[in-house]
Protein backbone atom coordinates (compact mmCIF):
# COMPACT_ATOMS: atom_id res chain seq x y z
CA UNK A 1 -26.05 -48.76 3.29
CA UNK A 2 -25.56 -48.00 -0.30
CA UNK A 3 -24.61 -44.81 -2.09
CA UNK A 4 -27.69 -42.36 -1.86
CA UNK A 5 -28.27 -39.12 -3.30
CA UNK A 6 -30.45 -36.47 -1.68
CA UNK A 7 -32.43 -34.78 -4.45
CA UNK A 8 -34.41 -31.67 -4.00
CA UNK A 9 -36.81 -29.39 -5.61
CA UNK A 10 -35.60 -26.15 -4.34
CA UNK A 11 -35.26 -24.54 -7.65
CA UNK A 12 -38.74 -25.56 -8.76
CA UNK A 13 -40.21 -24.08 -5.54
CA UNK A 14 -38.31 -21.03 -5.85
CA UNK A 15 -39.63 -20.36 -9.24
CA UNK A 16 -43.14 -21.31 -8.33
CA UNK A 17 -42.93 -18.47 -5.63
CA UNK A 18 -40.78 -16.17 -7.67
CA UNK A 19 -38.16 -16.35 -4.99
CA UNK A 20 -34.30 -15.64 -5.72
CA UNK A 21 -31.65 -17.82 -3.94
CA UNK A 22 -30.80 -14.61 -1.83
CA UNK A 23 -34.51 -14.32 -0.89
CA UNK A 24 -34.47 -18.00 0.42
CA UNK A 25 -31.27 -17.53 2.11
CA UNK A 26 -32.56 -14.59 4.02
CA UNK A 27 -35.66 -16.65 5.12
CA UNK A 28 -33.65 -19.58 6.16
CA UNK A 29 -30.82 -17.69 7.82
CA UNK A 30 -27.99 -18.88 5.66
CA UNK A 31 -25.89 -17.50 2.80
CA UNK A 32 -26.89 -17.40 -0.91
CA UNK A 33 -23.91 -19.69 -1.61
CA UNK A 34 -25.24 -22.15 0.77
CA UNK A 35 -28.64 -22.41 -0.75
CA UNK A 36 -26.89 -22.61 -4.26
CA UNK A 37 -24.72 -25.63 -3.17
CA UNK A 38 -27.74 -27.39 -1.36
CA UNK A 39 -29.86 -26.69 -4.52
CA UNK A 40 -27.29 -28.12 -6.92
CA UNK A 41 -26.61 -31.17 -4.66
CA UNK A 42 -23.03 -30.35 -3.87
CA UNK A 43 -23.90 -29.93 -0.15
CA UNK A 44 -26.19 -31.92 2.09
CA UNK A 45 -28.12 -29.46 4.57
CA UNK A 46 -28.23 -30.08 8.21
CA UNK A 47 -31.69 -31.17 9.47
CA UNK A 48 -32.43 -27.79 10.83
CA UNK A 49 -31.60 -26.23 7.61
CA UNK A 50 -33.80 -28.63 5.65
CA UNK A 51 -36.73 -27.99 7.82
CA UNK A 52 -36.26 -24.30 7.50
CA UNK A 53 -36.06 -24.56 3.87
CA UNK A 54 -39.21 -26.58 3.84
CA UNK A 55 -40.96 -24.05 6.08
CA UNK A 56 -39.87 -21.14 3.82
CA UNK A 57 -42.13 -22.74 1.18
CA UNK A 58 -44.85 -23.83 3.46
CA UNK A 59 -44.19 -27.53 2.69
CA UNK A 60 -42.97 -30.67 4.46
CA UNK A 61 -39.31 -31.66 4.29
CA UNK A 62 -40.11 -34.81 2.22
CA UNK A 63 -41.93 -32.50 -0.42
CA UNK A 64 -38.50 -30.84 -0.97
CA UNK A 65 -35.96 -33.54 -0.34
CA UNK A 66 -35.99 -37.04 -1.52
CA UNK A 67 -33.38 -39.83 -1.01
CA UNK A 68 -32.54 -41.77 -4.17
CA UNK A 69 -30.49 -44.76 -4.51
C-alpha cells in the first residue's frame, strides 16, 4: 500500500445546502471541530462518521470521500 490521501467535498456540499460546520456537526452527532478537521483533511473519519456525513447530504459516501494516490 502506498501513501493515500482521503479527499472530500464537505465544504462544497455544505455551501450547496447553505449549511454551517455547526449545522453539519449537529446532524452527524460530532463536534464542529471534528467536522472542521475532517473537512480540511487533518483527520480521517471513522466509517460510521463518514456514512453519517454522506447521509446528512443525501449522498453516497463515495460522492463525498475519494481516495487519491
